[in-house]
Amino acid sequence: MWIVPVAGLVLAPLWAQSGQALEPASSIRFNLPDGSPLAVVSTDLGDSRVQPRGGAMVLDLHATLTARNNGPQNVRGVTWVVLAQEMTPG
């Protein structure tokens, strides 16, 4: 069983909402493709913040993700992609 901790600082552009701060738990999601040998065991968003800044949303991500290898082979590396979904202001 391999456990992979992931932490980082990420800035992701999104449409700004009307000056409201968002709850990180409702704004950040970890998706794994179907058939992936990895499974998410736990997530901790810690001191993460989501704040509007001009016409963008800034994600200050201080998170830990723990994943488990459920496959028969060793995992040599993991690449995470940050995707931003457009939002409607207001």
C-alpha atoms as a PDB file:
ATOM      1  CA  MET A   1       0.000   0.000   0.000  1.00  0.00           C
ATOM      2  CA  TRP A   2       1.468   3.338  -1.082  1.00  0.00           C
ATOM      3  CA  ILE A   3       0.288   6.579   0.453  1.00  0.00           C
ATOM      4  CA  VAL A   4       0.974   9.798  -1.409  1.00  0.00           C
ATOM      5  CA  PRO A   5       0.721  13.178   0.404  1.00  0.00           C
ATOM      6  CA  VAL A   6       0.172  16.148  -1.849  1.00  0.00           C
ATOM      7  CA  ALA A   7       0.428  19.802  -0.796  1.00  0.00           C
ATOM      8  CA  GLY A   8       0.956  23.008  -2.669  1.00  0.00           C
ATOM      9  CA  LEU A   9       0.051  26.583  -3.470  1.00  0.00           C
ATOM     10  CA  VAL A  10      -2.164  27.018  -6.509  1.00  0.00           C
ATOM     11  CA  LEU A  11      -3.590  30.100  -8.174  1.00  0.00           C
ATOM     12  CA  ALA A  12      -6.539  29.388 -10.469  1.00  0.00           C
ATOM     13  CA  PRO A  13      -8.403  32.052 -12.467  1.00  0.00           C
ATOM     14  CA  LEU A  14     -12.190  31.943 -12.255  1.00  0.00           C
ATOM     15  CA  TRP A  15     -14.991  34.459 -12.650  1.00  0.00           C
ATOM     16  CA  ALA A  16     -15.380  36.539  -9.516  1.00  0.00           C
ATOM     17  CA  GLN A  17     -18.507  36.336  -7.460  1.00  0.00           C
ATOM     18  CA  SER A  18     -19.916  39.486  -5.895  1.00  0.00           C
ATOM     19  CA  GLY A  19     -17.168  40.009  -3.302  1.00  0.00           C
ATOM     20  CA  GLN A  20     -18.070  36.967  -1.193  1.00  0.00           C
ATOM     21  CA  ALA A  21     -15.424  34.697   0.265  1.00  0.00           C
ATOM     22  CA  LEU A  22     -16.105  31.045  -0.502  1.00  0.00           C
ATOM     23  CA  GLU A  23     -15.750  28.026   1.739  1.00  0.00           C
ATOM     24  CA  PRO A  24     -12.768  25.963   0.440  1.00  0.00           C
ATOM     25  CA  ALA A  25     -14.554  22.649   1.053  1.00  0.00           C
ATOM     26  CA  SER A  26     -17.297  23.647  -1.404  1.00  0.00           C
ATOM     27  CA  SER A  27     -14.860  25.086  -3.984  1.00  0.00           C
ATOM     28  CA  ILE A  28     -12.138  22.418  -4.177  1.00  0.00           C
ATOM     29  CA  ARG A  29     -12.689  18.858  -5.382  1.00  0.00           C
ATOM     30  CA  PHE A  30     -10.328  15.991  -6.211  1.00  0.00           C
ATOM     31  CA  ASN A  31     -11.481  13.772  -9.097  1.00  0.00           C
ATOM     32  CA  LEU A  32      -9.853  10.522 -10.159  1.00  0.00           C
ATOM     33  CA  PRO A  33     -10.734   8.872 -13.482  1.00  0.00           C
ATOM     34  CA  ASP A  34     -12.728   5.648 -13.577  1.00  0.00           C
ATOM     35  CA  GLY A  35     -10.416   2.647 -13.426  1.00  0.00           C
ATOM     36  CA  SER A  36      -7.670   4.587 -11.648  1.00  0.00           C
ATOM     37  CA  PRO A  37      -5.456   2.436  -9.395  1.00  0.00           C
ATOM     38  CA  LEU A  38      -5.446   5.302  -6.855  1.00  0.00           C
ATOM     39  CA  ALA A  39      -8.205   5.975  -4.344  1.00  0.00           C
ATOM     40  CA  VAL A  40      -8.556   9.088  -2.187  1.00  0.00           C
ATOM     41  CA  VAL A  41      -8.241   8.091   1.471  1.00  0.00           C
ATOM     42  CA  SER A  42      -8.492  11.535   3.077  1.00  0.00           C
ATOM     43  CA  THR A  43      -8.238  15.241   2.350  1.00  0.00           C
ATOM     44  CA  ASP A  44      -7.367  18.091   4.687  1.00  0.00           C
ATOM     45  CA  LEU A  45      -7.787  21.617   3.336  1.00  0.00           C
ATOM     46  CA  GLY A  46      -6.050  23.128   6.380  1.00  0.00           C
ATOM     47  CA  ASP A  47      -5.557  26.888   5.982  1.00  0.00           C
ATOM     48  CA  SER A  48      -6.758  26.999   2.369  1.00  0.00           C
ATOM     49  CA  ARG A  49      -8.606  30.149   1.288  1.00  0.00           C
ATOM     50  CA  VAL A  50     -10.721  31.102  -1.725  1.00  0.00           C
ATOM     51  CA  GLN A  51     -10.959  34.863  -2.325  1.00  0.00           C
ATOM     52  CA  PRO A  52     -12.233  37.082  -5.143  1.00  0.00           C
ATOM     53  CA  ARG A  53      -9.571  39.379  -6.603  1.00  0.00           C
ATOM     54  CA  GLY A  54     -10.742  41.637  -9.412  1.00  0.00           C
ATOM     55  CA  GLY A  55     -12.182  39.456 -12.172  1.00  0.00           C
ATOM     56  CA  ALA A  56     -10.584  36.278 -10.803  1.00  0.00           C
ATOM     57  CA  MET A  57     -10.815  33.891  -7.883  1.00  0.00           C
ATOM     58  CA  VAL A  58      -7.568  33.185  -6.041  1.00  0.00           C
ATOM     59  CA  LEU A  59      -7.120  29.759  -4.467  1.00  0.00           C
ATOM     60  CA  ASP A  60      -4.492  29.768  -1.742  1.00  0.00           C
ATOM     61  CA  LEU A  61      -4.263  26.018  -1.395  1.00  0.00           C
ATOM     62  CA  HIS A  62      -2.559  24.540   1.676  1.00  0.00           C
ATOM     63  CA  ALA A  63      -3.966  21.038   1.424  1.00  0.00           C
ATOM     64  CA  THR A  64      -2.932  17.488   2.096  1.00  0.00           C
ATOM     65  CA  LEU A  65      -4.336  14.658   0.017  1.00  0.00           C
ATOM     66  CA  THR A  66      -3.720  11.051   1.002  1.00  0.00           C
ATOM     67  CA  ALA A  67      -4.217   8.460  -1.745  1.00  0.00           C
ATOM     68  CA  ARG A  68      -3.901   4.678  -1.703  1.00  0.00           C
ATOM     69  CA  ASN A  69      -2.612   2.473  -4.513  1.00  0.00           C
ATOM     70  CA  ASN A  70      -5.225  -0.259  -5.022  1.00  0.00           C
ATOM     71  CA  GLY A  71      -3.527  -1.619  -8.141  1.00  0.00           C
ATOM     72  CA  PRO A  72      -1.128  -4.561  -8.428  1.00  0.00           C
ATOM     73  CA  GLN A  73       1.790  -2.424  -9.711  1.00  0.00           C
ATOM     74  CA  ASN A  74       3.849   0.265  -7.991  1.00  0.00           C
ATOM     75  CA  VAL A  75       2.973   3.888  -8.738  1.00  0.00           C
ATOM     76  CA  ARG A  76       6.040   5.722 -10.070  1.00  0.00           C
ATOM     77  CA  GLY A  77       4.546   9.194 -10.107  1.00  0.00           C
ATOM     78  CA  VAL A  78       1.355  11.189  -9.851  1.00  0.00           C
ATOM     79  CA  THR A  79       0.475  14.319 -11.836  1.00  0.00           C
ATOM     80  CA  TRP A  80      -2.343  16.556 -10.641  1.00  0.00           C
ATOM     81  CA  VAL A  81      -4.095  18.986 -12.982  1.00  0.00           C
ATOM     82  CA  VAL A  82      -5.849  22.108 -11.705  1.00  0.00           C
ATOM     83  CA  LEU A  83      -8.952  22.945 -13.728  1.00  0.00           C
ATOM     84  CA  ALA A  84     -11.033  26.083 -13.309  1.00  0.00           C
ATOM     85  CA  GLN A  85     -14.730  26.052 -14.072  1.00  0.00           C
ATOM     86  CA  GLU A  86     -16.276  29.311 -15.231  1.00  0.00           C
ATOM     87  CA  MET A  87     -18.762  30.776 -12.801  1.00  0.00           C
ATOM     88  CA  THR A  88     -21.603  33.235 -13.256  1.00  0.00           C
ATOM     89  CA  PRO A  89     -21.140  36.374 -11.137  1.00  0.00           C
ATOM     90  CA  GLY A  90     -23.822  37.032  -8.511  1.00  0.00           C
END
